[in-house]
Full PDB file with SEQRES, HELIX, SHEET, SSBOND, CRYST1, ORIGX, SCALE, CONECT and MASTER records, all heavy atoms in Angstrom:
SEQRES   1 A   34  GLN LEU LEU LYS GLY SER THR ASP PRO ASN ALA SER VAL          
SEQRES   2 A   34  SER TYR TYR CYS PRO GLU GLU VAL SER LEU TRP ALA LYS          
SEQRES   3 A   34  ALA ASN ASP LEU MET PRO VAL ASP                              
HELIX    1 AA1 PRO A    9  ALA A   11  5                                   3    
HELIX    2 AA2 PRO A   18  ALA A   27  1                                  10    
CRYST1    1.000    1.000    1.000  90.00  90.00  90.00 P 1           1          
ORIGX1      1.000000  0.000000  0.000000        0.00000                         
ORIGX2      0.000000  1.000000  0.000000        0.00000                         
ORIGX3      0.000000  0.000000  1.000000        0.00000                         
SCALE1      1.000000  0.000000  0.000000        0.00000                         
SCALE2      0.000000  1.000000  0.000000        0.00000                         
SCALE3      0.000000  0.000000  1.000000        0.00000                         
ATOM      1  N   GLN A   1      -3.602  -6.144   9.475  1.00  0.00           N  
ATOM      2  CA  GLN A   1      -3.390  -6.502  10.873  1.00  0.00           C  
ATOM      3  C   GLN A   1      -2.662  -7.837  10.827  1.00  0.00           C  
ATOM      4  O   GLN A   1      -3.272  -8.881  10.724  1.00  0.00           O  
ATOM      5  CB  GLN A   1      -4.733  -6.666  11.604  1.00  0.00           C  
ATOM      6  CG  GLN A   1      -5.568  -5.403  11.626  1.00  0.00           C  
ATOM      7  CD  GLN A   1      -4.865  -4.260  12.348  1.00  0.00           C  
ATOM      8  OE1 GLN A   1      -4.208  -4.480  13.361  1.00  0.00           O  
ATOM      9  NE2 GLN A   1      -4.986  -3.055  11.826  1.00  0.00           N  
ATOM     10  N   LEU A   2      -1.345  -7.764  10.856  1.00  0.00           N  
ATOM     11  CA  LEU A   2      -0.595  -8.973  10.571  1.00  0.00           C  
ATOM     12  C   LEU A   2      -0.523  -9.916  11.766  1.00  0.00           C  
ATOM     13  O   LEU A   2      -0.039 -11.016  11.644  1.00  0.00           O  
ATOM     14  CB  LEU A   2       0.794  -8.613  10.053  1.00  0.00           C  
ATOM     15  CG  LEU A   2       0.756  -8.041   8.625  1.00  0.00           C  
ATOM     16  CD1 LEU A   2       2.048  -7.349   8.266  1.00  0.00           C  
ATOM     17  CD2 LEU A   2       0.474  -9.110   7.591  1.00  0.00           C  
ATOM     18  N   LEU A   3      -0.981  -9.473  12.923  1.00  0.00           N  
ATOM     19  CA  LEU A   3      -1.093 -10.402  14.054  1.00  0.00           C  
ATOM     20  C   LEU A   3      -2.552 -10.548  14.412  1.00  0.00           C  
ATOM     21  O   LEU A   3      -3.207  -9.578  14.772  1.00  0.00           O  
ATOM     22  CB  LEU A   3      -0.346  -9.867  15.277  1.00  0.00           C  
ATOM     23  CG  LEU A   3       1.164  -9.969  15.225  1.00  0.00           C  
ATOM     24  CD1 LEU A   3       1.753  -9.500  16.539  1.00  0.00           C  
ATOM     25  CD2 LEU A   3       1.592 -11.386  14.979  1.00  0.00           C  
ATOM     26  N   LYS A   4      -3.048 -11.761  14.315  1.00  0.00           N  
ATOM     27  CA  LYS A   4      -4.463 -11.976  14.610  1.00  0.00           C  
ATOM     28  C   LYS A   4      -4.752 -11.721  16.082  1.00  0.00           C  
ATOM     29  O   LYS A   4      -4.026 -12.189  16.945  1.00  0.00           O  
ATOM     30  CB  LYS A   4      -4.859 -13.409  14.252  1.00  0.00           C  
ATOM     31  CG  LYS A   4      -4.960 -13.640  12.768  1.00  0.00           C  
ATOM     32  CD  LYS A   4      -5.345 -15.067  12.467  1.00  0.00           C  
ATOM     33  CE  LYS A   4      -4.212 -16.020  12.795  1.00  0.00           C  
ATOM     34  NZ  LYS A   4      -4.532 -17.408  12.496  1.00  0.00           N  
ATOM     35  N   GLY A   5      -5.811 -10.963  16.345  1.00  0.00           N  
ATOM     36  CA  GLY A   5      -6.267 -10.801  17.720  1.00  0.00           C  
ATOM     37  C   GLY A   5      -5.380  -9.934  18.589  1.00  0.00           C  
ATOM     38  O   GLY A   5      -5.617  -9.780  19.772  1.00  0.00           O  
ATOM     39  N   SER A   6      -4.342  -9.335  18.003  1.00  0.00           N  
ATOM     40  CA  SER A   6      -3.452  -8.531  18.832  1.00  0.00           C  
ATOM     41  C   SER A   6      -4.010  -7.121  18.981  1.00  0.00           C  
ATOM     42  O   SER A   6      -4.550  -6.558  18.036  1.00  0.00           O  
ATOM     43  CB  SER A   6      -2.063  -8.452  18.207  1.00  0.00           C  
ATOM     44  OG  SER A   6      -1.284  -7.538  18.913  1.00  0.00           O  
ATOM     45  N   THR A   7      -3.845  -6.568  20.167  1.00  0.00           N  
ATOM     46  CA  THR A   7      -4.270  -5.178  20.365  1.00  0.00           C  
ATOM     47  C   THR A   7      -3.064  -4.247  20.298  1.00  0.00           C  
ATOM     48  O   THR A   7      -3.193  -3.040  20.450  1.00  0.00           O  
ATOM     49  CB  THR A   7      -4.946  -5.018  21.742  1.00  0.00           C  
ATOM     50  OG1 THR A   7      -4.054  -5.555  22.721  1.00  0.00           O  
ATOM     51  CG2 THR A   7      -6.267  -5.771  21.786  1.00  0.00           C  
ATOM     52  N   ASP A   8      -1.893  -4.817  20.078  1.00  0.00           N  
ATOM     53  CA  ASP A   8      -0.679  -4.019  19.995  1.00  0.00           C  
ATOM     54  C   ASP A   8      -0.693  -3.222  18.692  1.00  0.00           C  
ATOM     55  O   ASP A   8      -0.721  -3.804  17.606  1.00  0.00           O  
ATOM     56  CB  ASP A   8       0.529  -4.962  20.023  1.00  0.00           C  
ATOM     57  CG  ASP A   8       1.853  -4.235  19.901  1.00  0.00           C  
ATOM     58  OD1 ASP A   8       1.841  -3.016  19.602  1.00  0.00           O  
ATOM     59  OD2 ASP A   8       2.900  -4.877  20.100  1.00  0.00           O  
ATOM     60  N   PRO A   9      -0.675  -1.875  18.753  1.00  0.00           N  
ATOM     61  CA  PRO A   9      -0.730  -1.088  17.518  1.00  0.00           C  
ATOM     62  C   PRO A   9       0.477  -1.333  16.613  1.00  0.00           C  
ATOM     63  O   PRO A   9       0.417  -1.098  15.412  1.00  0.00           O  
ATOM     64  CB  PRO A   9      -0.758   0.365  18.016  1.00  0.00           C  
ATOM     65  CG  PRO A   9      -0.203   0.320  19.396  1.00  0.00           C  
ATOM     66  CD  PRO A   9      -0.578  -1.026  19.958  1.00  0.00           C  
ATOM     67  N   ASN A  10       1.585  -1.804  17.189  1.00  0.00           N  
ATOM     68  CA  ASN A  10       2.758  -2.065  16.356  1.00  0.00           C  
ATOM     69  C   ASN A  10       2.674  -3.401  15.631  1.00  0.00           C  
ATOM     70  O   ASN A  10       3.595  -3.795  14.931  1.00  0.00           O  
ATOM     71  CB  ASN A  10       4.028  -2.041  17.201  1.00  0.00           C  
ATOM     72  CG  ASN A  10       4.337  -0.648  17.684  1.00  0.00           C  
ATOM     73  OD1 ASN A  10       3.901   0.335  17.072  1.00  0.00           O  
ATOM     74  ND2 ASN A  10       5.045  -0.548  18.786  1.00  0.00           N  
ATOM     75  N   ALA A  11       1.572  -4.117  15.820  1.00  0.00           N  
ATOM     76  CA  ALA A  11       1.430  -5.427  15.191  1.00  0.00           C  
ATOM     77  C   ALA A  11       0.755  -5.327  13.831  1.00  0.00           C  
ATOM     78  O   ALA A  11       0.283  -6.305  13.297  1.00  0.00           O  
ATOM     79  CB  ALA A  11       0.632  -6.351  16.098  1.00  0.00           C  
ATOM     80  N   SER A  12       0.703  -4.129  13.276  1.00  0.00           N  
ATOM     81  CA  SER A  12       0.103  -4.005  11.952  1.00  0.00           C  
ATOM     82  C   SER A  12       0.944  -3.065  11.102  1.00  0.00           C  
ATOM     83  O   SER A  12       1.679  -2.234  11.618  1.00  0.00           O  
ATOM     84  CB  SER A  12      -1.325  -3.457  12.056  1.00  0.00           C  
ATOM     85  OG  SER A  12      -1.284  -2.129  12.520  1.00  0.00           O  
ATOM     86  N   VAL A  13       0.822  -3.240   9.793  1.00  0.00           N  
ATOM     87  CA  VAL A  13       1.526  -2.391   8.834  1.00  0.00           C  
ATOM     88  C   VAL A  13       0.479  -1.858   7.868  1.00  0.00           C  
ATOM     89  O   VAL A  13      -0.383  -2.609   7.413  1.00  0.00           O  
ATOM     90  CB  VAL A  13       2.586  -3.213   8.068  1.00  0.00           C  
ATOM     91  CG1 VAL A  13       3.138  -2.426   6.897  1.00  0.00           C  
ATOM     92  CG2 VAL A  13       3.710  -3.630   9.000  1.00  0.00           C  
ATOM     93  N   SER A  14       0.538  -0.563   7.575  1.00  0.00           N  
ATOM     94  CA  SER A  14      -0.410   0.017   6.618  1.00  0.00           C  
ATOM     95  C   SER A  14       0.297   0.273   5.294  1.00  0.00           C  
ATOM     96  O   SER A  14       1.484   0.602   5.284  1.00  0.00           O  
ATOM     97  CB  SER A  14      -0.941   1.351   7.147  1.00  0.00           C  
ATOM     98  OG  SER A  14      -1.567   1.171   8.389  1.00  0.00           O  
ATOM     99  N   TYR A  15      -0.432   0.134   4.213  1.00  0.00           N  
ATOM    100  CA  TYR A  15       0.179   0.438   2.912  1.00  0.00           C  
ATOM    101  C   TYR A  15      -0.901   0.830   1.916  1.00  0.00           C  
ATOM    102  O   TYR A  15      -2.053   0.449   2.034  1.00  0.00           O  
ATOM    103  CB  TYR A  15       0.989  -0.750   2.393  1.00  0.00           C  
ATOM    104  CG  TYR A  15       0.189  -2.008   2.136  1.00  0.00           C  
ATOM    105  CD1 TYR A  15      -0.346  -2.269   0.870  1.00  0.00           C  
ATOM    106  CD2 TYR A  15      -0.031  -2.944   3.149  1.00  0.00           C  
ATOM    107  CE1 TYR A  15      -1.083  -3.421   0.630  1.00  0.00           C  
ATOM    108  CE2 TYR A  15      -0.766  -4.086   2.919  1.00  0.00           C  
ATOM    109  CZ  TYR A  15      -1.288  -4.321   1.651  1.00  0.00           C  
ATOM    110  OH  TYR A  15      -2.021  -5.454   1.415  1.00  0.00           O  
ATOM    111  N   TYR A  16      -0.484   1.642   0.948  1.00  0.00           N  
ATOM    112  CA  TYR A  16      -1.391   2.000  -0.142  1.00  0.00           C  
ATOM    113  C   TYR A  16      -1.586   0.795  -1.046  1.00  0.00           C  
ATOM    114  O   TYR A  16      -0.619   0.121  -1.394  1.00  0.00           O  
ATOM    115  CB  TYR A  16      -0.806   3.159  -0.951  1.00  0.00           C  
ATOM    116  CG  TYR A  16      -0.874   4.475  -0.226  1.00  0.00           C  
ATOM    117  CD1 TYR A  16       0.247   4.997   0.411  1.00  0.00           C  
ATOM    118  CD2 TYR A  16      -2.059   5.193  -0.161  1.00  0.00           C  
ATOM    119  CE1 TYR A  16       0.185   6.199   1.086  1.00  0.00           C  
ATOM    120  CE2 TYR A  16      -2.135   6.395   0.512  1.00  0.00           C  
ATOM    121  CZ  TYR A  16      -1.004   6.899   1.135  1.00  0.00           C  
ATOM    122  OH  TYR A  16      -1.077   8.088   1.810  1.00  0.00           O  
ATOM    123  N   CYS A  17      -2.839   0.514  -1.414  1.00  0.00           N  
ATOM    124  CA  CYS A  17      -3.049  -0.704  -2.198  1.00  0.00           C  
ATOM    125  C   CYS A  17      -2.504  -0.518  -3.618  1.00  0.00           C  
ATOM    126  O   CYS A  17      -2.578   0.564  -4.200  1.00  0.00           O  
ATOM    127  CB  CYS A  17      -4.491  -1.175  -2.194  1.00  0.00           C  
ATOM    128  SG  CYS A  17      -5.698   0.086  -2.228  1.00  0.00           S  
ATOM    129  N   PRO A  18      -1.915  -1.591  -4.163  1.00  0.00           N  
ATOM    130  CA  PRO A  18      -1.143  -1.485  -5.406  1.00  0.00           C  
ATOM    131  C   PRO A  18      -1.956  -0.982  -6.594  1.00  0.00           C  
ATOM    132  O   PRO A  18      -1.427  -0.274  -7.445  1.00  0.00           O  
ATOM    133  CB  PRO A  18      -0.618  -2.911  -5.642  1.00  0.00           C  
ATOM    134  CG  PRO A  18      -1.315  -3.785  -4.664  1.00  0.00           C  
ATOM    135  CD  PRO A  18      -1.827  -2.927  -3.563  1.00  0.00           C  
ATOM    136  N   GLU A  19      -3.247  -1.321  -6.652  1.00  0.00           N  
ATOM    137  CA  GLU A  19      -4.050  -0.876  -7.796  1.00  0.00           C  
ATOM    138  C   GLU A  19      -4.113   0.655  -7.813  1.00  0.00           C  
ATOM    139  O   GLU A  19      -3.952   1.286  -8.854  1.00  0.00           O  
ATOM    140  CB  GLU A  19      -5.476  -1.445  -7.722  1.00  0.00           C  
ATOM    141  CG  GLU A  19      -5.570  -2.964  -7.752  1.00  0.00           C  
ATOM    142  CD  GLU A  19      -5.142  -3.644  -6.439  1.00  0.00           C  
ATOM    143  OE1 GLU A  19      -5.081  -2.970  -5.392  1.00  0.00           O  
ATOM    144  OE2 GLU A  19      -4.844  -4.857  -6.493  1.00  0.00           O  
ATOM    145  N   GLU A  20      -4.336   1.232  -6.630  1.00  0.00           N  
ATOM    146  CA  GLU A  20      -4.407   2.695  -6.538  1.00  0.00           C  
ATOM    147  C   GLU A  20      -3.064   3.323  -6.883  1.00  0.00           C  
ATOM    148  O   GLU A  20      -2.992   4.336  -7.565  1.00  0.00           O  
ATOM    149  CB  GLU A  20      -4.787   3.115  -5.112  1.00  0.00           C  
ATOM    150  CG  GLU A  20      -6.180   2.720  -4.697  1.00  0.00           C  
ATOM    151  CD  GLU A  20      -7.240   3.486  -5.482  1.00  0.00           C  
ATOM    152  OE1 GLU A  20      -7.040   4.688  -5.745  1.00  0.00           O  
ATOM    153  OE2 GLU A  20      -8.258   2.873  -5.830  1.00  0.00           O  
ATOM    154  N   VAL A  21      -2.002   2.716  -6.357  1.00  0.00           N  
ATOM    155  CA  VAL A  21      -0.668   3.267  -6.600  1.00  0.00           C  
ATOM    156  C   VAL A  21      -0.343   3.248  -8.082  1.00  0.00           C  
ATOM    157  O   VAL A  21       0.184   4.219  -8.633  1.00  0.00           O  
ATOM    158  CB  VAL A  21       0.399   2.479  -5.811  1.00  0.00           C  
ATOM    159  CG1 VAL A  21       1.798   2.913  -6.213  1.00  0.00           C  
ATOM    160  CG2 VAL A  21       0.198   2.683  -4.316  1.00  0.00           C  
ATOM    161  N   SER A  22      -0.685   2.138  -8.755  1.00  0.00           N  
ATOM    162  CA  SER A  22      -0.395   2.051 -10.192  1.00  0.00           C  
ATOM    163  C   SER A  22      -1.153   3.123 -10.970  1.00  0.00           C  
ATOM    164  O   SER A  22      -0.604   3.760 -11.868  1.00  0.00           O  
ATOM    165  CB  SER A  22      -0.757   0.661 -10.735  1.00  0.00           C  
ATOM    166  OG  SER A  22       0.092  -0.302 -10.152  1.00  0.00           O  
ATOM    167  N   LEU A  23      -2.422   3.325 -10.606  1.00  0.00           N  
ATOM    168  CA  LEU A  23      -3.208   4.367 -11.278  1.00  0.00           C  
ATOM    169  C   LEU A  23      -2.595   5.742 -11.027  1.00  0.00           C  
ATOM    170  O   LEU A  23      -2.442   6.557 -11.939  1.00  0.00           O  
ATOM    171  CB  LEU A  23      -4.654   4.353 -10.753  1.00  0.00           C  
ATOM    172  CG  LEU A  23      -5.505   3.155 -11.179  1.00  0.00           C  
ATOM    173  CD1 LEU A  23      -6.832   3.161 -10.414  1.00  0.00           C  
ATOM    174  CD2 LEU A  23      -5.753   3.181 -12.686  1.00  0.00           C  
ATOM    175  N   TRP A  24      -2.223   5.971  -9.766  1.00  0.00           N  
ATOM    176  CA  TRP A  24      -1.630   7.254  -9.403  1.00  0.00           C  
ATOM    177  C   TRP A  24      -0.299   7.453 -10.130  1.00  0.00           C  
ATOM    178  O   TRP A  24      -0.003   8.532 -10.650  1.00  0.00           O  
ATOM    179  CB  TRP A  24      -1.436   7.294  -7.885  1.00  0.00           C  
ATOM    180  CG  TRP A  24      -0.960   8.624  -7.391  1.00  0.00           C  
ATOM    181  CD1 TRP A  24      -1.731   9.682  -7.011  1.00  0.00           C  
ATOM    182  CD2 TRP A  24       0.399   9.037  -7.240  1.00  0.00           C  
ATOM    183  NE1 TRP A  24      -0.927  10.730  -6.637  1.00  0.00           N  
ATOM    184  CE2 TRP A  24       0.377  10.363  -6.775  1.00  0.00           C  
ATOM    185  CE3 TRP A  24       1.630   8.418  -7.469  1.00  0.00           C  
ATOM    186  CZ2 TRP A  24       1.545  11.089  -6.512  1.00  0.00           C  
ATOM    187  CZ3 TRP A  24       2.787   9.132  -7.214  1.00  0.00           C  
ATOM    188  CH2 TRP A  24       2.743  10.444  -6.740  1.00  0.00           C  
ATOM    189  N   ALA A  25       0.504   6.392 -10.198  1.00  0.00           N  
ATOM    190  CA  ALA A  25       1.809   6.489 -10.847  1.00  0.00           C  
ATOM    191  C   ALA A  25       1.646   6.795 -12.336  1.00  0.00           C  
ATOM    192  O   ALA A  25       2.385   7.606 -12.907  1.00  0.00           O  
ATOM    193  CB  ALA A  25       2.593   5.188 -10.644  1.00  0.00           C  
ATOM    194  N   LYS A  26       0.658   6.146 -12.981  1.00  0.00           N  
ATOM    195  CA  LYS A  26       0.408   6.429 -14.395  1.00  0.00           C  
ATOM    196  C   LYS A  26       0.013   7.883 -14.586  1.00  0.00           C  
ATOM    197  O   LYS A  26       0.528   8.574 -15.456  1.00  0.00           O  
ATOM    198  CB  LYS A  26      -0.705   5.521 -14.934  1.00  0.00           C  
ATOM    199  CG  LYS A  26      -0.219   4.131 -15.301  1.00  0.00           C  
ATOM    200  CD  LYS A  26      -1.366   3.241 -15.773  1.00  0.00           C  
ATOM    201  CE  LYS A  26      -0.836   1.814 -15.955  1.00  0.00           C  
ATOM    202  NZ  LYS A  26      -1.896   0.813 -16.006  1.00  0.00           N  
ATOM    203  N   ALA A  27      -0.894   8.344 -13.731  1.00  0.00           N  
ATOM    204  CA  ALA A  27      -1.394   9.714 -13.862  1.00  0.00           C  
ATOM    205  C   ALA A  27      -0.286  10.739 -13.625  1.00  0.00           C  
ATOM    206  O   ALA A  27      -0.335  11.845 -14.151  1.00  0.00           O  
ATOM    207  CB  ALA A  27      -2.542   9.941 -12.881  1.00  0.00           C  
ATOM    208  N   ASN A  28       0.708  10.392 -12.834  1.00  0.00           N  
ATOM    209  CA  ASN A  28       1.772  11.339 -12.495  1.00  0.00           C  
ATOM    210  C   ASN A  28       3.104  11.025 -13.173  1.00  0.00           C  
ATOM    211  O   ASN A  28       4.162  11.451 -12.709  1.00  0.00           O  
ATOM    212  CB  ASN A  28       1.956  11.376 -10.976  1.00  0.00           C  
ATOM    213  CG  ASN A  28       0.777  12.040 -10.285  1.00  0.00           C  
ATOM    214  OD1 ASN A  28       0.727  13.247 -10.166  1.00  0.00           O  
ATOM    215  ND2 ASN A  28      -0.194  11.241  -9.877  1.00  0.00           N  
ATOM    216  N   ASP A  29       3.030  10.258 -14.270  1.00  0.00           N  
ATOM    217  CA  ASP A  29       4.245   9.923 -15.036  1.00  0.00           C  
ATOM    218  C   ASP A  29       5.327   9.279 -14.183  1.00  0.00           C  
ATOM    219  O   ASP A  29       6.507   9.539 -14.364  1.00  0.00           O  
ATOM    220  CB  ASP A  29       4.821  11.171 -15.718  1.00  0.00           C  
ATOM    221  CG  ASP A  29       3.890  11.678 -16.798  1.00  0.00           C  
ATOM    222  OD1 ASP A  29       3.250  10.842 -17.450  1.00  0.00           O  
ATOM    223  OD2 ASP A  29       3.791  12.904 -16.964  1.00  0.00           O  
ATOM    224  N   LEU A  30       4.912   8.439 -13.243  1.00  0.00           N  
ATOM    225  CA  LEU A  30       5.883   7.724 -12.426  1.00  0.00           C  
ATOM    226  C   LEU A  30       5.876   6.230 -12.722  1.00  0.00           C  
ATOM    227  O   LEU A  30       6.416   5.451 -11.954  1.00  0.00           O  
ATOM    228  CB  LEU A  30       5.581   7.937 -10.932  1.00  0.00           C  
ATOM    229  CG  LEU A  30       6.148   9.209 -10.304  1.00  0.00           C  
ATOM    230  CD1 LEU A  30       5.623   9.376  -8.891  1.00  0.00           C  
ATOM    231  CD2 LEU A  30       7.665   9.191 -10.299  1.00  0.00           C  
ATOM    232  N   MET A  31       5.255   5.822 -13.847  1.00  0.00           N  
ATOM    233  CA  MET A  31       5.301   4.403 -14.194  1.00  0.00           C  
ATOM    234  C   MET A  31       6.684   4.071 -14.736  1.00  0.00           C  
ATOM    235  O   MET A  31       7.173   4.764 -15.617  1.00  0.00           O  
ATOM    236  CB  MET A  31       4.256   4.069 -15.267  1.00  0.00           C  
ATOM    237  CG  MET A  31       2.951   3.510 -14.742  1.00  0.00           C  
ATOM    238  SD  MET A  31       3.080   2.283 -13.437  1.00  0.00           S  
ATOM    239  CE  MET A  31       2.889   0.772 -14.352  1.00  0.00           C  
ATOM    240  N   PRO A  32       7.320   3.007 -14.226  1.00  0.00           N  
ATOM    241  CA  PRO A  32       8.643   2.648 -14.723  1.00  0.00           C  
ATOM    242  C   PRO A  32       8.629   2.170 -16.176  1.00  0.00           C  
ATOM    243  O   PRO A  32       9.647   2.200 -16.840  1.00  0.00           O  
ATOM    244  CB  PRO A  32       9.090   1.510 -13.803  1.00  0.00           C  
ATOM    245  CG  PRO A  32       8.177   1.555 -12.640  1.00  0.00           C  
ATOM    246  CD  PRO A  32       6.906   2.166 -13.102  1.00  0.00           C  
ATOM    247  N   VAL A  33       7.477   1.678 -16.648  1.00  0.00           N  
ATOM    248  CA  VAL A  33       7.398   1.210 -18.033  1.00  0.00           C  
ATOM    249  C   VAL A  33       6.262   1.930 -18.727  1.00  0.00           C  
ATOM    250  O   VAL A  33       5.367   2.472 -18.091  1.00  0.00           O  
ATOM    251  CB  VAL A  33       7.122  -0.319 -18.121  1.00  0.00           C  
ATOM    252  CG1 VAL A  33       8.370  -1.097 -17.803  1.00  0.00           C  
ATOM    253  CG2 VAL A  33       5.989  -0.728 -17.211  1.00  0.00           C  
ATOM    254  N   ASP A  34       6.315   1.919 -20.031  1.00  0.00           N  
ATOM    255  CA  ASP A  34       5.231   2.459 -20.838  1.00  0.00           C  
ATOM    256  C   ASP A  34       3.933   1.800 -20.388  1.00  0.00           C  
ATOM    257  O   ASP A  34       3.824   0.582 -20.339  1.00  0.00           O  
ATOM    258  CB  ASP A  34       5.532   2.103 -22.302  1.00  0.00           C  
ATOM    259  CG  ASP A  34       4.440   2.564 -23.232  1.00  0.00           C  
ATOM    260  OD1 ASP A  34       3.422   3.085 -22.729  1.00  0.00           O  
ATOM    261  OD2 ASP A  34       4.600   2.404 -24.444  1.00  0.00           O  
TER     262      ASP A  34                                                      
MASTER        0    0    0    2    0    0    0    6  261    1    0    3          
END                                                                             
């Protein structure tokens, strides 16, 4: 929720957390490096 106290739904951005993405990428051979 990048705007504190805002009720505007456009005031936030959602994203997959990097730890999960890295695990998922490793499991699916999408890691850019060994």
